[in-house]
Amino acid sequence: MSNHLYVIIHQNGGENGVQMNGGEMSNEQLNINQSSGCQMQQVQIKTGQRNGGQPNEEQWTPEEQNGDLQTNAGEMIFARDLEIEHSDKYENWDWVSDPRFITEVAVLSKVWFFHIKTSVNFLRLSANTQYGAYLIFKRAEDSKGLHAIMNTSVSAGREHDKRSVCLKPTRNTPSNIGRPREFSDRWLELELGRFYCDNVTADKEVVIIIQETKRLDIKKAGLTVAGLTWHPIICKC
C-alpha cells in the first residue's frame, strides 16, 4: 500500500468543483495527458482477473473504480425517457424496478437491431464546459452478443464525436475500441463521446446515439440499461 492523492470530480449548483483527498489506494496509476494545452488527470485502477463469463470466451477484465457508481438525477436521462428501438415489445425488452434508481430500468431479452438515442437541451448544462456522455448499464453473466462493436455519435451543432465501442470486450477486442469501466456495485459506465457547451440556450441540444444495426446475425441479450448521463471533463489549464 502506498499513499496517493486522488481526485473526486463533482458539480454543484452549475459550478464545477474538484475535491482532493489524500489516502491509500492500491494498484493505482495516475496518467497525466497533455491535450490542447491542458493537463488532464485520469485515475486508472488496475484489478486482478475475475472468474465468470460465458464458457469458451476469453474475458477482458474492465477497469474497476473504488466505490459504487455515483449518479445525479439532474445529469441523467433514465431508460424510460430514452428512445430504445423495440422497447415497446415485451419479447425484446422488459421493464423492472431497481432500488438503485428512481425509475424502471430496461432489461434486454433479445434484439438483433440495437439502437438507443436521446438528446439533452443546453439549458441543463453549464456554459463554457466540455462534457462526456456515458451509458450506464449492467451485464448478465449469460449475456449474448455484447462483444459486437457498436458505433456511437455525440453531436452538438456542427461538432460530431463518433466512436467505436464495446459493451463486453474480450481480449481480442482491438485496443482502439472504447471500453467500459466497472464500479464496485457492478454497474458499468461507457463513454460514448464528448461535446462542448459554449452557451446555455434553449435552442441548442446535444444528440447522443449508440447502435449496432449492421450485424443482424448477432443476437444481443442480457443487458440492463439504467440511462444516459453526462458530467464535466475537468482540466487544469
Protein backbone atom coordinates (compact mmCIF):
# COMPACT_ATOMS: atom_id res chain seq x y z
CA MET A 1 0.00 0.00 0.00
CA SER A 2 1.25 3.49 -0.81
CA ASN A 3 -0.09 6.97 -0.20
CA HIS A 4 -1.63 8.79 -3.17
CA LEU A 5 -3.59 11.91 -3.94
CA TYR A 6 -6.83 11.17 -5.74
CA VAL A 7 -9.45 13.39 -7.30
CA ILE A 8 -13.22 13.43 -6.87
CA ILE A 9 -14.98 15.44 -9.58
CA HIS A 10 -18.38 16.88 -8.80
CA GLN A 11 -20.78 19.56 -9.99
CA ASN A 12 -22.93 21.58 -7.63
CA GLY A 13 -25.32 24.36 -8.50
CA GLY A 14 -23.93 24.62 -12.03
CA GLU A 15 -20.39 25.24 -10.79
CA ASN A 16 -17.71 22.65 -11.36
CA GLY A 17 -15.62 21.58 -8.41
CA VAL A 18 -12.64 19.36 -7.78
CA GLN A 19 -12.13 17.83 -4.36
CA MET A 20 -8.71 16.44 -3.49
CA ASN A 21 -8.35 13.71 -0.88
CA GLY A 22 -5.29 12.01 0.49
CA GLY A 23 -5.43 8.34 1.30
CA GLU A 24 -4.30 4.86 0.44
CA MET A 25 -5.20 3.29 -2.88
CA SER A 26 -3.75 0.04 -4.08
CA ASN A 27 -2.52 -0.65 -7.61
CA GLU A 28 -3.33 2.89 -8.73
CA GLN A 29 -1.86 4.54 -11.76
CA LEU A 30 -2.25 8.26 -12.38
CA ASN A 31 -1.92 9.35 -16.00
CA ILE A 32 -1.26 12.95 -16.92
CA ASN A 33 -2.09 13.70 -20.55
CA GLN A 34 -1.48 16.91 -22.43
CA SER A 35 -4.49 17.97 -24.50
CA SER A 36 -4.97 21.40 -26.06
CA GLY A 37 -2.56 22.94 -23.56
CA CYS A 38 -4.44 21.47 -20.62
CA GLN A 39 -3.25 18.96 -18.10
CA MET A 40 -5.86 16.20 -17.97
CA GLN A 41 -5.93 13.95 -14.90
CA GLN A 42 -7.39 10.49 -15.10
CA VAL A 43 -7.23 7.81 -12.41
CA GLN A 44 -6.96 4.21 -13.55
CA ILE A 45 -7.35 1.36 -11.10
CA LYS A 46 -5.86 -1.99 -12.04
CA THR A 47 -7.68 -5.07 -10.84
CA GLY A 48 -6.99 -8.75 -10.91
CA GLN A 49 -8.86 -11.11 -13.19
CA ARG A 50 -12.20 -12.46 -12.06
CA ASN A 51 -13.81 -15.76 -12.88
CA GLY A 52 -17.10 -15.92 -14.68
CA GLY A 53 -18.47 -15.07 -18.10
CA GLN A 54 -19.50 -17.25 -20.94
CA PRO A 55 -17.80 -20.61 -21.43
CA ASN A 56 -15.03 -20.68 -24.03
CA GLU A 57 -14.91 -16.86 -24.09
CA GLU A 58 -11.68 -15.21 -23.02
CA GLN A 59 -12.83 -12.22 -20.99
CA TRP A 60 -11.27 -8.80 -20.76
CA THR A 61 -11.16 -7.51 -17.18
CA PRO A 62 -12.65 -3.99 -17.07
CA GLU A 63 -11.09 -1.09 -15.28
CA GLU A 64 -12.74 -1.05 -11.84
CA GLN A 65 -13.44 2.02 -9.72
CA ASN A 66 -13.43 2.14 -5.93
CA GLY A 67 -16.93 2.70 -4.54
CA ASP A 68 -20.37 2.48 -6.08
CA LEU A 69 -21.49 4.29 -9.18
CA GLN A 70 -22.43 7.88 -8.35
CA THR A 71 -25.21 9.50 -10.38
CA ASN A 72 -27.09 12.77 -10.24
CA ALA A 73 -30.73 12.77 -11.35
CA GLY A 74 -30.24 16.27 -12.75
CA GLU A 75 -27.48 14.97 -15.02
CA MET A 76 -29.14 11.79 -16.25
CA ILE A 77 -31.85 10.68 -18.66
CA PHE A 78 -33.33 7.47 -17.33
CA ALA A 79 -34.11 4.48 -19.51
CA ARG A 80 -37.86 5.22 -19.70
CA ASP A 81 -37.10 8.53 -21.42
CA LEU A 82 -34.62 7.13 -23.93
CA GLU A 83 -35.55 6.24 -27.49
CA ILE A 84 -34.82 2.50 -27.35
CA GLU A 85 -35.69 0.60 -30.50
CA HIS A 86 -38.29 -2.16 -29.87
CA SER A 87 -38.59 -1.23 -26.18
CA ASP A 88 -42.38 -1.33 -26.53
CA LYS A 89 -42.27 -5.05 -27.37
CA TYR A 90 -42.21 -7.31 -24.33
CA GLU A 91 -40.43 -10.08 -26.22
CA ASN A 92 -37.49 -7.73 -26.80
CA TRP A 93 -37.25 -5.53 -23.69
CA ASP A 94 -38.63 -5.80 -20.18
CA TRP A 95 -39.07 -3.03 -17.61
CA VAL A 96 -38.22 -3.74 -13.98
CA SER A 97 -37.78 -1.71 -10.81
CA ASP A 98 -34.29 -1.24 -9.42
CA PRO A 99 -33.67 0.23 -5.93
CA ARG A 100 -30.57 1.98 -7.25
CA PHE A 101 -32.64 4.35 -9.40
CA ILE A 102 -35.86 6.35 -9.04
CA THR A 103 -37.46 4.77 -12.10
CA GLU A 104 -37.50 1.49 -14.00
CA VAL A 105 -34.53 0.10 -15.89
CA ALA A 106 -34.69 -1.58 -19.29
CA VAL A 107 -33.69 -5.26 -19.47
CA LEU A 108 -32.82 -6.61 -22.90
CA SER A 109 -34.35 -10.01 -23.62
CA LYS A 110 -33.28 -10.24 -27.24
CA VAL A 111 -32.75 -7.98 -30.24
CA TRP A 112 -30.72 -8.12 -33.40
CA PHE A 113 -31.16 -4.43 -34.26
CA PHE A 114 -29.74 -2.39 -31.35
CA HIS A 115 -30.36 1.37 -31.27
CA ILE A 116 -30.58 3.86 -28.36
CA LYS A 117 -30.91 7.62 -28.82
CA THR A 118 -31.56 10.69 -26.67
CA SER A 119 -30.99 14.43 -26.64
CA VAL A 120 -30.03 16.93 -23.93
CA ASN A 121 -31.03 20.59 -24.11
CA PHE A 122 -28.24 23.04 -23.32
CA LEU A 123 -30.41 24.60 -20.62
CA ARG A 124 -29.46 21.59 -18.46
CA LEU A 125 -25.74 22.30 -18.86
CA SER A 126 -23.14 24.84 -17.75
CA ALA A 127 -21.66 27.34 -20.19
CA ASN A 128 -18.07 27.05 -21.43
CA THR A 129 -17.80 23.45 -20.28
CA GLN A 130 -16.73 20.25 -22.01
CA TYR A 131 -18.80 17.19 -21.14
CA GLY A 132 -18.55 13.46 -21.57
CA ALA A 133 -21.68 11.43 -22.39
CA TYR A 134 -21.96 7.96 -20.81
CA LEU A 135 -24.17 4.88 -20.99
CA ILE A 136 -24.95 3.36 -17.57
CA PHE A 137 -25.59 -0.39 -17.73
CA LYS A 138 -25.11 -3.86 -16.31
CA ARG A 139 -24.39 -7.19 -17.99
CA ALA A 140 -25.85 -10.57 -17.12
CA GLU A 141 -23.42 -13.45 -16.72
CA ASP A 142 -25.17 -15.24 -19.59
CA SER A 143 -25.34 -12.17 -21.85
CA LYS A 144 -25.04 -12.71 -25.59
CA GLY A 145 -23.77 -10.64 -28.47
CA LEU A 146 -22.46 -7.77 -26.37
CA HIS A 147 -18.95 -8.35 -27.74
CA ALA A 148 -20.11 -6.83 -31.04
CA ILE A 149 -18.50 -3.49 -31.91
CA MET A 150 -21.04 -0.65 -31.64
CA ASN A 151 -21.00 2.82 -33.13
CA THR A 152 -21.68 5.99 -31.18
CA SER A 153 -22.37 9.57 -32.17
CA VAL A 154 -22.41 12.64 -29.91
CA SER A 155 -23.43 15.72 -31.92
CA ALA A 156 -23.87 19.32 -30.82
CA GLY A 157 -24.36 21.81 -33.64
CA ARG A 158 -21.58 21.32 -36.17
CA GLU A 159 -19.45 19.28 -33.81
CA HIS A 160 -19.63 15.49 -34.07
CA ASP A 161 -17.75 12.95 -31.96
CA LYS A 162 -18.07 9.48 -33.50
CA ARG A 163 -16.54 6.41 -31.87
CA SER A 164 -16.48 2.63 -31.88
CA VAL A 165 -17.15 0.99 -28.50
CA CYS A 166 -17.84 -2.41 -26.98
CA LEU A 167 -20.17 -3.27 -24.09
CA LYS A 168 -18.39 -6.54 -23.29
CA PRO A 169 -14.86 -6.58 -24.69
CA THR A 170 -12.80 -9.74 -24.97
CA ARG A 171 -9.03 -9.94 -25.16
CA ASN A 172 -9.42 -9.98 -28.95
CA THR A 173 -11.18 -6.61 -29.00
CA PRO A 174 -8.93 -4.06 -30.75
CA SER A 175 -7.19 -1.62 -28.39
CA ASN A 176 -8.68 1.42 -30.12
CA ILE A 177 -12.24 0.38 -29.22
CA GLY A 178 -13.86 2.22 -26.30
CA ARG A 179 -14.29 0.06 -23.19
CA PRO A 180 -16.44 0.46 -20.08
CA ARG A 181 -15.24 0.95 -16.53
CA GLU A 182 -16.86 -1.06 -13.74
CA PHE A 183 -17.79 0.10 -10.24
CA SER A 184 -17.84 -2.00 -7.10
CA ASP A 185 -21.65 -2.37 -7.30
CA ARG A 186 -21.15 -3.91 -10.78
CA TRP A 187 -22.74 -1.04 -12.69
CA LEU A 188 -20.68 -0.01 -15.70
CA GLU A 189 -20.10 3.34 -17.36
CA LEU A 190 -19.12 3.62 -21.03
CA GLU A 191 -18.06 6.92 -22.56
CA LEU A 192 -19.89 7.46 -25.86
CA GLY A 193 -18.26 10.77 -26.79
CA ARG A 194 -17.62 14.36 -25.73
CA PHE A 195 -19.18 17.71 -26.55
CA TYR A 196 -18.76 21.36 -25.65
CA CYS A 197 -21.44 23.66 -24.24
CA ASP A 198 -20.50 27.19 -25.24
CA ASN A 199 -23.67 28.89 -24.07
CA VAL A 200 -26.71 27.94 -22.00
CA THR A 201 -29.53 28.34 -24.51
CA ALA A 202 -32.85 26.64 -25.21
CA ASP A 203 -32.36 26.48 -28.97
CA LYS A 204 -29.41 24.09 -28.88
CA GLU A 205 -29.07 20.46 -27.84
CA VAL A 206 -26.70 17.52 -27.99
CA VAL A 207 -27.88 14.29 -29.64
CA ILE A 208 -26.42 11.03 -28.31
CA ILE A 209 -26.66 7.67 -30.12
CA ILE A 210 -25.29 4.18 -29.55
CA GLN A 211 -26.16 1.50 -32.08
CA GLU A 212 -25.28 -1.80 -33.70
CA THR A 213 -27.51 -2.19 -36.75
CA LYS A 214 -25.28 -3.93 -39.29
CA ARG A 215 -24.53 -7.34 -37.76
CA LEU A 216 -28.12 -8.54 -37.73
CA ASP A 217 -26.85 -12.11 -37.47
CA ILE A 218 -25.69 -11.39 -33.90
CA LYS A 219 -28.35 -11.76 -31.22
CA LYS A 220 -27.94 -9.34 -28.32
CA ALA A 221 -29.30 -10.25 -24.88
CA GLY A 222 -28.59 -9.93 -21.15
CA LEU A 223 -28.13 -6.16 -20.92
CA THR A 224 -29.70 -3.82 -18.32
CA VAL A 225 -29.81 -0.13 -19.25
CA ALA A 226 -30.30 2.44 -16.48
CA GLY A 227 -29.90 5.53 -18.65
CA LEU A 228 -27.53 8.02 -20.20
CA THR A 229 -25.63 10.55 -18.11
CA TRP A 230 -23.18 13.37 -18.63
CA HIS A 231 -20.64 15.16 -16.48
CA PRO A 232 -17.87 17.72 -16.99
CA ILE A 233 -14.42 16.83 -18.21
CA ILE A 234 -12.22 18.63 -15.70
CA CYS A 235 -8.86 20.05 -16.79
CA LYS A 236 -6.30 22.26 -15.03
CA CYS A 237 -5.21 24.89 -17.53
